[in-house]
C-alpha atoms as a PDB file:
ATOM      1  CA  GLU A   1      -0.140  -0.024  -0.046  1.00  0.00           C
ATOM      2  CA  LYS A   2       1.241   3.289  -1.002  1.00  0.00           C
ATOM      3  CA  ILE A   3      -0.288   6.919   0.041  1.00  0.00           C
ATOM      4  CA  ASN A   4       0.091   9.695  -2.519  1.00  0.00           C
ATOM      5  CA  ASP A   5      -0.874  13.137  -2.457  1.00  0.00           C
ATOM      6  CA  LEU A   6      -3.725  13.884  -4.928  1.00  0.00           C
ATOM      7  CA  LEU A   7      -3.052  17.687  -4.322  1.00  0.00           C
ATOM      8  CA  ASN A   8       0.532  17.393  -5.310  1.00  0.00           C
ATOM      9  CA  PRO A   9       1.171  14.271  -7.504  1.00  0.00           C
ATOM     10  CA  ALA A  10       5.006  14.653  -6.609  1.00  0.00           C
ATOM     11  CA  LYS A  11       4.558  13.458  -3.200  1.00  0.00           C
ATOM     12  CA  SER A  12       4.164   9.598  -3.068  1.00  0.00           C
ATOM     13  CA  ASN A  13       4.585   6.919  -0.609  1.00  0.00           C
ATOM     14  CA  LEU A  14       3.753   9.184   2.538  1.00  0.00           C
ATOM     15  CA  LYS A  15       4.403   8.302   5.789  1.00  0.00           C
ATOM     16  CA  VAL A  16       1.520   7.510   8.728  1.00  0.00           C
ATOM     17  CA  ARG A  17       2.329   9.270  12.079  1.00  0.00           C
ATOM     18  CA  GLU A  18       0.847   9.458  15.585  1.00  0.00           C
ATOM     19  CA  ASP A  19       0.903  12.578  17.810  1.00  0.00           C
ATOM     20  CA  PRO A  20      -0.590  12.861  21.465  1.00  0.00           C
ATOM     21  CA  ALA A  21      -1.642  16.603  20.214  1.00  0.00           C
ATOM     22  CA  ARG A  22      -2.829  15.646  16.667  1.00  0.00           C
ATOM     23  CA  GLY A  23      -3.392  11.862  16.395  1.00  0.00           C
ATOM     24  CA  VAL A  24      -2.927  10.008  13.513  1.00  0.00           C
ATOM     25  CA  TYR A  25      -1.819  11.933  10.432  1.00  0.00           C
ATOM     26  CA  VAL A  26      -0.462  11.864   7.199  1.00  0.00           C
ATOM     27  CA  GLU A  27       3.304  13.228   7.059  1.00  0.00           C
ATOM     28  CA  GLY A  28       3.935  15.986   4.510  1.00  0.00           C
ATOM     29  CA  VAL A  29       0.659  15.928   3.115  1.00  0.00           C
ATOM     30  CA  THR A  30      -0.431  19.011   1.616  1.00  0.00           C
ATOM     31  CA  GLU A  31      -2.460  21.201   3.529  1.00  0.00           C
ATOM     32  CA  ALA A  32      -4.483  24.331   2.001  1.00  0.00           C
ATOM     33  CA  TYR A  33      -6.487  26.900   3.792  1.00  0.00           C
ATOM     34  CA  THR A  34      -9.906  27.739   2.463  1.00  0.00           C
ATOM     35  CA  SER A  35     -12.248  30.951   3.243  1.00  0.00           C
ATOM     36  CA  SER A  36     -15.179  29.358   1.406  1.00  0.00           C
ATOM     37  CA  ALA A  37     -17.288  25.888   0.014  1.00  0.00           C
ATOM     38  CA  GLU A  38     -16.144  27.316  -3.095  1.00  0.00           C
ATOM     39  CA  GLU A  39     -12.573  27.320  -2.407  1.00  0.00           C
ATOM     40  CA  MET A  40     -12.876  23.526  -0.785  1.00  0.00           C
ATOM     41  CA  LEU A  41     -14.940  22.210  -3.688  1.00  0.00           C
ATOM     42  CA  GLU A  42     -12.172  23.495  -6.129  1.00  0.00           C
ATOM     43  CA  LEU A  43      -9.617  21.596  -4.056  1.00  0.00           C
ATOM     44  CA  MET A  44     -11.432  18.278  -4.343  1.00  0.00           C
ATOM     45  CA  GLU A  45     -12.189  18.583  -7.842  1.00  0.00           C
ATOM     46  CA  ARG A  46      -8.248  18.936  -8.362  1.00  0.00           C
ATOM     47  CA  GLY A  47      -7.240  15.877  -6.294  1.00  0.00           C
ATOM     48  CA  THR A  48     -10.226  13.921  -7.992  1.00  0.00           C
ATOM     49  CA  SER A  49      -8.370  14.528 -11.369  1.00  0.00           C
ATOM     50  CA  ASN A  50      -5.220  13.560 -10.259  1.00  0.00           C
ATOM     51  CA  ARG A  51      -6.896  10.142  -8.945  1.00  0.00           C
ATOM     52  CA  ALA A  52      -6.068   7.011 -10.644  1.00  0.00           C
ATOM     53  CA  VAL A  53      -8.592   5.202 -12.736  1.00  0.00           C
ATOM     54  CA  ALA A  54      -8.928   2.300 -15.256  1.00  0.00           C
ATOM     55  CA  SER A  55     -11.309   0.669 -17.454  1.00  0.00           C
ATOM     56  CA  THR A  56     -12.345  -2.594 -16.223  1.00  0.00           C
ATOM     57  CA  ARG A  57     -15.255  -4.751 -17.823  1.00  0.00           C
ATOM     58  CA  MET A  58     -17.626  -3.737 -15.043  1.00  0.00           C
ATOM     59  CA  ASN A  59     -16.816  -0.121 -14.779  1.00  0.00           C
ATOM     60  CA  ALA A  60     -15.161   2.233 -17.899  1.00  0.00           C
ATOM     61  CA  ASP A  61     -14.156   4.858 -15.148  1.00  0.00           C
ATOM     62  CA  SER A  62     -12.800   2.207 -12.208  1.00  0.00           C
ATOM     63  CA  SER A  63     -11.042   4.102  -9.287  1.00  0.00           C
ATOM     64  CA  ARG A  64      -8.121   2.339  -8.642  1.00  0.00           C
ATOM     65  CA  SER A  65      -7.531   3.709  -5.334  1.00  0.00           C
ATOM     66  CA  HIS A  66      -9.199   5.072  -2.042  1.00  0.00           C
ATOM     67  CA  SER A  67      -9.302   8.770  -1.495  1.00  0.00           C
ATOM     68  CA  VAL A  68      -9.355  10.568   1.809  1.00  0.00           C
ATOM     69  CA  PHE A  69     -10.220  14.101   1.942  1.00  0.00           C
ATOM     70  CA  VAL A  70      -9.698  15.994   5.400  1.00  0.00           C
ATOM     71  CA  VAL A  71     -11.090  19.040   6.744  1.00  0.00           C
ATOM     72  CA  THR A  72      -9.795  20.812   9.899  1.00  0.00           C
ATOM     73  CA  THR A  73     -11.789  23.134  11.565  1.00  0.00           C
ATOM     74  CA  GLU A  74     -10.992  25.448  14.281  1.00  0.00           C
ATOM     75  CA  GLN A  75     -13.100  27.958  16.314  1.00  0.00           C
ATOM     76  CA  LYS A  76     -11.751  30.220  19.079  1.00  0.00           C
ATOM     77  CA  ASP A  77     -13.424  32.550  21.761  1.00  0.00           C
ATOM     78  CA  PRO A  78     -11.661  35.983  21.527  1.00  0.00           C
ATOM     79  CA  VAL A  79     -12.921  36.801  24.754  1.00  0.00           C
ATOM     80  CA  SER A  80     -12.233  33.639  26.901  1.00  0.00           C
ATOM     81  CA  GLY A  81      -9.572  32.414  24.481  1.00  0.00           C
ATOM     82  CA  LEU A  82     -11.039  28.973  24.257  1.00  0.00           C
ATOM     83  CA  LYS A  83     -10.230  26.942  21.006  1.00  0.00           C
ATOM     84  CA  LYS A  84     -12.071  23.981  19.330  1.00  0.00           C
ATOM     85  CA  VAL A  85     -10.866  21.855  16.861  1.00  0.00           C
ATOM     86  CA  GLY A  86     -12.274  19.330  14.823  1.00  0.00           C
ATOM     87  CA  ASN A  87     -11.378  17.117  11.937  1.00  0.00           C
ATOM     88  CA  MET A  88     -13.844  15.625   9.384  1.00  0.00           C
ATOM     89  CA  TYR A  89     -12.732  12.901   6.960  1.00  0.00           C
ATOM     90  CA  LEU A  90     -14.319  12.389   3.849  1.00  0.00           C
ATOM     91  CA  VAL A  91     -13.401   9.277   2.088  1.00  0.00           C
ATOM     92  CA  ASP A  92     -14.502   7.535  -1.215  1.00  0.00           C
ATOM     93  CA  LEU A  93     -13.938   3.900  -0.690  1.00  0.00           C
ATOM     94  CA  ALA A  94     -13.239   1.701  -4.023  1.00  0.00           C
ATOM     95  CA  GLY A  95     -15.599  -1.024  -4.413  1.00  0.00           C
ATOM     96  CA  SER A  96     -14.263  -4.507  -3.830  1.00  0.00           C
ATOM     97  CA  GLU A  97     -13.669  -6.436  -7.409  1.00  0.00           C
ATOM     98  CA  MET A  98     -13.849 -10.126  -8.738  1.00  0.00           C
ATOM     99  CA  VAL A  99     -11.307 -10.588 -11.116  1.00  0.00           C
ATOM    100  CA  GLY A 100     -13.496 -13.171 -12.768  1.00  0.00           C
ATOM    101  CA  LYS A 101     -16.002 -10.531 -13.537  1.00  0.00           C
ATOM    102  CA  THR A 102     -13.395  -7.498 -14.157  1.00  0.00           C
ATOM    103  CA  HIS A 103     -10.881  -9.308 -16.133  1.00  0.00           C
ATOM    104  CA  ALA A 104      -8.530  -7.265 -14.754  1.00  0.00           C
ATOM    105  CA  SER A 105      -4.644  -7.922 -15.570  1.00  0.00           C
ATOM    106  CA  GLY A 106      -1.471  -6.408 -14.898  1.00  0.00           C
ATOM    107  CA  GLN A 107      -1.247  -3.391 -13.150  1.00  0.00           C
ATOM    108  CA  THR A 108      -4.898  -3.056 -12.832  1.00  0.00           C
ATOM    109  CA  LEU A 109      -4.676  -6.797 -11.353  1.00  0.00           C
ATOM    110  CA  ALA A 110      -2.380  -5.654  -8.674  1.00  0.00           C
ATOM    111  CA  GLU A 111      -4.264  -2.746  -7.789  1.00  0.00           C
ATOM    112  CA  ALA A 112      -7.629  -4.894  -7.059  1.00  0.00           C
ATOM    113  CA  LYS A 113      -5.383  -6.873  -4.882  1.00  0.00           C
ATOM    114  CA  MET A 114      -4.678  -4.009  -2.692  1.00  0.00           C
ATOM    115  CA  ILE A 115      -7.956  -2.604  -2.897  1.00  0.00           C
ATOM    116  CA  ASN A 116      -9.548  -6.026  -1.468  1.00  0.00           C
ATOM    117  CA  LYS A 117      -7.006  -6.152   1.168  1.00  0.00           C
ATOM    118  CA  SER A 118      -7.429  -2.931   2.529  1.00  0.00           C
ATOM    119  CA  LEU A 119     -11.270  -3.643   2.281  1.00  0.00           C
ATOM    120  CA  SER A 120     -10.654  -6.916   4.144  1.00  0.00           C
ATOM    121  CA  ALA A 121      -8.751  -4.943   7.065  1.00  0.00           C
ATOM    122  CA  LEU A 122     -11.512  -2.561   7.456  1.00  0.00           C
ATOM    123  CA  GLY A 123     -14.144  -5.457   7.854  1.00  0.00           C
ATOM    124  CA  ASN A 124     -11.465  -6.882  10.222  1.00  0.00           C
ATOM    125  CA  VAL A 125     -11.393  -3.528  12.381  1.00  0.00           C
ATOM    126  CA  ILE A 126     -15.215  -3.315  12.394  1.00  0.00           C
ATOM    127  CA  LYS A 127     -15.368  -6.675  13.600  1.00  0.00           C
ATOM    128  CA  ALA A 128     -13.007  -6.291  16.358  1.00  0.00           C
ATOM    129  CA  LEU A 129     -14.657  -2.982  17.419  1.00  0.00           C
ATOM    130  CA  ILE A 130     -18.047  -4.863  17.458  1.00  0.00           C
ATOM    131  CA  SER A 131     -16.791  -7.764  19.403  1.00  0.00           C
ATOM    132  CA  GLY A 132     -15.022  -5.569  21.913  1.00  0.00           C
ATOM    133  CA  THR A 133     -11.533  -7.058  21.983  1.00  0.00           C
ATOM    134  CA  SER A 134      -8.839  -5.423  23.284  1.00  0.00           C
ATOM    135  CA  HIS A 135      -6.571  -5.428  20.220  1.00  0.00           C
ATOM    136  CA  ILE A 136      -7.674  -3.733  17.097  1.00  0.00           C
ATOM    137  CA  PRO A 137      -5.918  -4.337  14.033  1.00  0.00           C
ATOM    138  CA  TYR A 138      -5.308  -0.895  12.714  1.00  0.00           C
ATOM    139  CA  ARG A 139      -1.977  -1.360  11.460  1.00  0.00           C
ATOM    140  CA  ASP A 140      -2.979  -4.145   9.261  1.00  0.00           C
ATOM    141  CA  SER A 141      -3.659  -1.556   6.562  1.00  0.00           C
ATOM    142  CA  LYS A 142      -2.596   1.831   5.783  1.00  0.00           C
ATOM    143  CA  LEU A 143      -6.266   2.851   5.119  1.00  0.00           C
ATOM    144  CA  THR A 144      -7.148   1.528   8.732  1.00  0.00           C
ATOM    145  CA  ARG A 145      -4.601   3.585  10.187  1.00  0.00           C
ATOM    146  CA  VAL A 146      -5.318   6.754   8.502  1.00  0.00           C
ATOM    147  CA  LEU A 147      -9.185   6.104   9.900  1.00  0.00           C
ATOM    148  CA  GLN A 148      -8.700   5.167  13.285  1.00  0.00           C
ATOM    149  CA  ASN A 149      -9.962   8.069  14.957  1.00  0.00           C
ATOM    150  CA  SER A 150     -13.133   8.037  12.734  1.00  0.00           C
ATOM    151  CA  LEU A 151     -13.715   4.280  13.178  1.00  0.00           C
ATOM    152  CA  GLY A 152     -13.212   3.781  16.908  1.00  0.00           C
ATOM    153  CA  GLY A 153     -12.009   7.147  18.211  1.00  0.00           C
ATOM    154  CA  ASN A 154     -13.567  10.298  19.461  1.00  0.00           C
ATOM    155  CA  ALA A 155     -15.738  10.664  16.318  1.00  0.00           C
ATOM    156  CA  LYS A 156     -18.889  10.420  14.718  1.00  0.00           C
ATOM    157  CA  THR A 157     -19.390   8.316  11.294  1.00  0.00           C
ATOM    158  CA  SER A 158     -21.818   7.909   8.846  1.00  0.00           C
ATOM    159  CA  LEU A 159     -21.466   5.422   5.956  1.00  0.00           C
ATOM    160  CA  VAL A 160     -23.386   5.399   2.817  1.00  0.00           C
ATOM    161  CA  ILE A 161     -23.010   2.103   0.727  1.00  0.00           C
ATOM    162  CA  THR A 162     -23.918   1.841  -3.211  1.00  0.00           C
ATOM    163  CA  CYS A 163     -25.407  -1.112  -4.512  1.00  0.00           C
ATOM    164  CA  SER A 164     -26.323  -2.895  -7.954  1.00  0.00           C
ATOM    165  CA  SER A 165     -29.944  -3.388  -8.815  1.00  0.00           C
ATOM    166  CA  SER A 166     -28.794  -6.257 -11.385  1.00  0.00           C
ATOM    167  CA  SER A 167     -29.054  -9.692 -10.232  1.00  0.00           C
ATOM    168  CA  TYR A 168     -25.721 -10.382 -11.829  1.00  0.00           C
ATOM    169  CA  ASN A 169     -24.090  -8.561  -8.919  1.00  0.00           C
ATOM    170  CA  ALA A 170     -26.110 -10.004  -6.354  1.00  0.00           C
ATOM    171  CA  VAL A 171     -23.246 -11.425  -4.396  1.00  0.00           C
ATOM    172  CA  GLU A 172     -21.575  -8.200  -4.097  1.00  0.00           C
ATOM    173  CA  THR A 173     -24.651  -6.698  -3.239  1.00  0.00           C
ATOM    174  CA  LEU A 174     -25.029  -8.887  -0.208  1.00  0.00           C
ATOM    175  CA  SER A 175     -21.200  -8.687   0.999  1.00  0.00           C
ATOM    176  CA  THR A 176     -21.878  -4.389   0.508  1.00  0.00           C
ATOM    177  CA  LEU A 177     -25.035  -4.609   2.899  1.00  0.00           C
ATOM    178  CA  ARG A 178     -23.533  -6.847   5.450  1.00  0.00           C
ATOM    179  CA  PHE A 179     -20.500  -4.845   5.818  1.00  0.00           C
ATOM    180  CA  GLY A 180     -22.737  -1.673   6.159  1.00  0.00           C
ATOM    181  CA  ALA A 181     -24.829  -3.801   8.722  1.00  0.00           C
ATOM    182  CA  ARG A 182     -21.609  -4.545  10.750  1.00  0.00           C
ATOM    183  CA  ALA A 183     -20.397  -0.905  10.686  1.00  0.00           C
ATOM    184  CA  LYS A 184     -23.748   0.405  12.165  1.00  0.00           C
ATOM    185  CA  CYS A 185     -23.184  -1.655  15.620  1.00  0.00           C
ATOM    186  CA  ILE A 186     -20.491   0.310  15.967  1.00  0.00           C
ATOM    187  CA  ARG A 187     -21.003   2.727  19.212  1.00  0.00           C
ATOM    188  CA  ASN A 188     -18.302   5.732  19.750  1.00  0.00           C
ATOM    189  CA  LYS A 189     -18.694   8.136  22.515  1.00  0.00           C
ATOM    190  CA  PRO A 190     -17.336  11.494  20.820  1.00  0.00           C
ATOM    191  CA  LYS A 191     -16.862  14.403  23.075  1.00  0.00           C
ATOM    192  CA  ALA A 192     -15.591  18.325  21.901  1.00  0.00           C
ATOM    193  CA  ASN A 193     -11.575  18.739  21.581  1.00  0.00           C
ATOM    194  CA  GLN A 194     -11.376  22.068  23.803  1.00  0.00           C
ATOM    195  CA  GLU A 195      -7.885  23.558  24.052  1.00  0.00           C
ATOM    196  CA  ARG A 196      -8.127  26.180  26.818  1.00  0.00           C
ATOM    197  CA  SER A 197      -5.218  29.442  26.960  1.00  0.00           C
ATOM    198  CA  ALA A 198      -3.142  30.291  29.614  1.00  0.00           C
ATOM    199  CA  GLU A 199      -5.713  33.375  30.375  1.00  0.00           C
ATOM    200  CA  GLU A 200      -8.701  31.080  30.424  1.00  0.00           C
ATOM    201  CA  TYR A 201      -7.132  28.886  33.109  1.00  0.00           C
ATOM    202  CA  GLN A 202      -5.817  31.706  35.229  1.00  0.00           C
ATOM    203  CA  ARG A 203      -9.909  33.214  34.794  1.00  0.00           C
ATOM    204  CA  LEU A 204     -10.870  29.881  35.938  1.00  0.00           C
ATOM    205  CA  LEU A 205      -8.338  29.871  38.851  1.00  0.00           C
ATOM    206  CA  THR A 206      -9.559  33.248  40.001  1.00  0.00           C
ATOM    207  CA  ALA A 207     -13.036  32.340  39.800  1.00  0.00           C
ATOM    208  CA  ALA A 208     -12.726  29.173  41.865  1.00  0.00           C
ATOM    209  CA  ASP A 209     -10.489  31.139  44.571  1.00  0.00           C
ATOM    210  CA  LYS A 210     -13.516  33.964  44.589  1.00  0.00           C
ATOM    211  CA  ARG A 211     -15.904  31.058  45.347  1.00  0.00           C
ATOM    212  CA  GLU A 212     -13.679  29.438  47.893  1.00  0.00           C
ATOM    213  CA  ALA A 213     -13.633  33.173  49.768  1.00  0.00           C
ATOM    214  CA  GLU A 214     -17.296  33.291  49.612  1.00  0.00           C
ATOM    215  CA  LEU A 215     -18.084  29.847  51.093  1.00  0.00           C
ATOM    216  CA  ARG A 216     -15.264  30.415  53.769  1.00  0.00           C
ATOM    217  CA  LYS A 217     -17.615  33.510  54.671  1.00  0.00           C
ATOM    218  CA  TYR A 218     -20.556  31.841  54.805  1.00  0.00           C
ATOM    219  CA  VAL A 219     -19.119  28.830  56.983  1.00  0.00           C
ATOM    220  CA  ALA A 220     -17.720  31.730  59.390  1.00  0.00           C
ATOM    221  CA  ALA A 221     -21.329  33.589  59.633  1.00  0.00           C
ATOM    222  CA  LEU A 222     -22.922  30.080  60.234  1.00  0.00           C
ATOM    223  CA  GLU A 223     -20.371  29.547  63.097  1.00  0.00           C
ATOM    224  CA  ALA A 224     -21.390  32.629  64.548  1.00  0.00           C
ATOM    225  CA  GLU A 225     -25.334  32.186  64.545  1.00  0.00           C
ATOM    226  CA  ILE A 226     -24.814  28.684  66.374  1.00  0.00           C
ATOM    227  CA  HIS A 227     -22.756  30.337  68.994  1.00  0.00           C
ATOM    228  CA  THR A 228     -25.315  33.360  69.335  1.00  0.00           C
ATOM    229  CA  LEU A 229     -28.061  30.421  69.656  1.00  0.00           C
ATOM    230  CA  ARG A 230     -25.908  28.134  71.724  1.00  0.00           C
ATOM    231  CA  GLY A 231     -25.560  30.635  74.769  1.00  0.00           C
ATOM    232  CA  PRO A 232     -29.017  30.751  76.055  1.00  0.00           C
ATOM    233  CA  LEU A 233     -29.565  27.021  75.530  1.00  0.00           C
ATOM    234  CA  VAL A 234     -26.395  26.474  77.872  1.00  0.00           C
ATOM    235  CA  GLN A 235     -27.633  28.795  80.477  1.00  0.00           C
ATOM    236  CA  GLU A 236     -31.108  26.815  80.350  1.00  0.00           C
ATOM    237  CA  ALA A 237     -29.740  23.773  80.849  1.00  0.00           C
ATOM    238  CA  VAL A 238     -27.332  25.125  83.841  1.00  0.00           C
ATOM    239  CA  ASP A 239     -30.357  26.672  85.403  1.00  0.00           C
ATOM    240  CA  SER A 240     -32.171  23.419  85.179  1.00  0.00           C
ATOM    241  CA  PHE A 241     -29.217  21.352  86.457  1.00  0.00           C
ATOM    242  CA  GLY A 242     -29.020  23.825  89.511  1.00  0.00           C
ATOM    243  CA  LYS A 243     -32.832  23.464  90.450  1.00  0.00           C
ATOM    244  CA  ALA A 244     -32.107  19.601  90.243  1.00  0.00           C
ATOM    245  CA  GLU A 245     -29.456  19.749  92.650  1.00  0.00           C
ATOM    246  CA  GLY A 246     -31.212  22.213  95.140  1.00  0.00           C
ATOM    247  CA  GLY A 247     -34.134  20.184  95.475  1.00  0.00           C
ATOM    248  CA  LEU A 248     -31.999  16.707  95.639  1.00  0.00           C
ATOM    249  CA  GLY A 249     -30.517  18.547  98.912  1.00  0.00           C
ATOM    250  CA  ALA A 250     -33.685  19.559 100.545  1.00  0.00           C
ATOM    251  CA  GLY A 251     -35.046  16.139 100.430  1.00  0.00           C
ATOM    252  CA  SER A 252     -31.765  14.719 102.159  1.00  0.00           C
ATOM    253  CA  ASP A 253     -32.172  17.364 105.078  1.00  0.00           C
ATOM    254  CA  ASP A 254     -35.548  16.687 105.524  1.00  0.00           C
ATOM    255  CA  ALA A 255     -34.723  12.739 105.556  1.00  0.00           C
ATOM    256  CA  ALA A 256     -31.966  13.386 108.357  1.00  0.00           C
ATOM    257  CA  VAL A 257     -34.045  15.411 110.480  1.00  0.00           C
ATOM    258  CA  GLY A 258     -37.289  13.239 110.144  1.00  0.00           C
ATOM    259  CA  ASN A 259     -39.677  15.939 110.694  1.00  0.00           C
ATOM    260  CA  GLY A 260     -41.860  13.310 112.105  1.00  0.00           C
ATOM    261  CA  GLY A 261     -42.842  11.938 108.750  1.00  0.00           C
ATOM    262  CA  THR A 262     -41.794   8.255 107.415  1.00  0.00           C
ATOM    263  CA  ALA A 263     -39.784   7.531 104.666  1.00  0.00           C
ATOM    264  CA  ALA A 264     -42.660   7.074 102.113  1.00  0.00           C
ATOM    265  CA  ASP A 265     -43.902  11.112 102.724  1.00  0.00           C
ATOM    266  CA  ASP A 266     -40.311  12.455 102.497  1.00  0.00           C
ATOM    267  CA  ALA A 267     -40.088  10.694  99.115  1.00  0.00           C
ATOM    268  CA  ALA A 268     -42.883  13.236  97.466  1.00  0.00           C
ATOM    269  CA  ILE A 269     -40.347  16.307  97.975  1.00  0.00           C
ATOM    270  CA  ASP A 270     -39.189  17.082  94.383  1.00  0.00           C
ATOM    271  CA  GLY A 271     -39.851  13.713  93.083  1.00  0.00           C
ATOM    272  CA  VAL A 272     -36.675  12.394  94.626  1.00  0.00           C
ATOM    273  CA  ALA A 273     -37.040   9.028  96.689  1.00  0.00           C
ATOM    274  CA  VAL A 274     -35.713   9.256 100.206  1.00  0.00           C
ATOM    275  CA  SER A 275     -35.252   6.104 102.762  1.00  0.00           C
ATOM    276  CA  ALA A 276     -33.732   5.665 105.873  1.00  0.00           C
ATOM    277  CA  THR A 277     -31.775   2.769 106.502  1.00  0.00           C
ATOM    278  CA  THR A 278     -30.883   1.140 109.916  1.00  0.00           C
ATOM    279  CA  ALA A 279     -26.929   0.129 110.656  1.00  0.00           C
ATOM    280  CA  ALA A 280     -28.665  -3.402 110.555  1.00  0.00           C
ATOM    281  CA  GLY A 281     -30.165  -2.973 107.187  1.00  0.00           C
ATOM    282  CA  THR A 282     -33.864  -3.064 108.081  1.00  0.00           C
ATOM    283  CA  PRO A 283     -36.206  -0.284 107.379  1.00  0.00           C
ATOM    284  CA  SER A 284     -37.329   1.862 109.985  1.00  0.00           C
ATOM    285  CA  LYS A 285     -39.196   5.535 110.340  1.00  0.00           C
ATOM    286  CA  ALA A 286     -36.923   8.516 109.664  1.00  0.00           C
ATOM    287  CA  ASP A 287     -37.459   9.936 113.328  1.00  0.00           C
ATOM    288  CA  ASP A 288     -35.315  11.444 115.617  1.00  0.00           C
ATOM    289  CA  ASP A 289     -34.456   8.234 117.355  1.00  0.00           C
ATOM    290  CA  ALA A 290     -32.531   7.046 113.864  1.00  0.00           C
ATOM    291  CA  PRO A 291     -29.293   5.923 114.634  1.00  0.00           C
ATOM    292  CA  VAL A 292     -26.330   8.075 113.495  1.00  0.00           C
ATOM    293  CA  GLY A 293     -24.958   5.956 111.025  1.00  0.00           C
ATOM    294  CA  ALA A 294     -28.109   5.841 108.822  1.00  0.00           C
ATOM    295  CA  SER A 295     -28.016   6.474 105.191  1.00  0.00           C
ATOM    296  CA  ILE A 296     -30.032   8.305 103.096  1.00  0.00           C
ATOM    297  CA  THR A 297     -30.417   6.893  99.298  1.00  0.00           C
END
């Protein structure tokens, strides 16, 4: 397989390279800037005129190669500095050929073999993408290598297939339809290719710092409010605890003096249970005759 530059036929047998920023690309291929759709169409017509064709029994102007036209678009926001880059691959695949029908020979036959080989490699890549295997054979063909991003990468892909209505070409038509059905099963998840400038990152950092300062102020205000509300609640809890302590002390004094009542009578004071127990451990009345060693619980 060889990659030739259709916009500059002097460039032939170009190499396929891969770069972390650019992805897969053809090294040394001609690139032209266009400002309108008309200029782009002129380039496509110029490339088509340099494309190799030959006459066979099935097609008077049979394409002897695949054609790939890459459109690169860039969008930059002048305010934020954010830049978006996208590539659109317009691919014209040469049809598979049956030598028994085309009667190709010589150079045309060699070209037919390479066309069928690259299409077979493309079918294997699609099969691997559908099955979910870890290894995708992109490197089996330069065609699949160039189209790596379009097939299983960060891209949306549309496929148009052409078929013959003649029963004479029923085998080729069925094969083409099956190829299209397999390709439809590929599922990509594309996302925008965005490149932020240093100024944009600085603005994002400033906005994040501002947001952090606002949140810190909000947290400090909440803590102050909690402290304000907590003061009366703590004081109320302290006062309640003090009252409980005072009630418990009064009940103990009454139990020690006796007041001429029983332990059951004294138990009614502030809801505190008070009982007198003699040294021997038997309950008795909490009167003046209670022993000095009596305990109050």
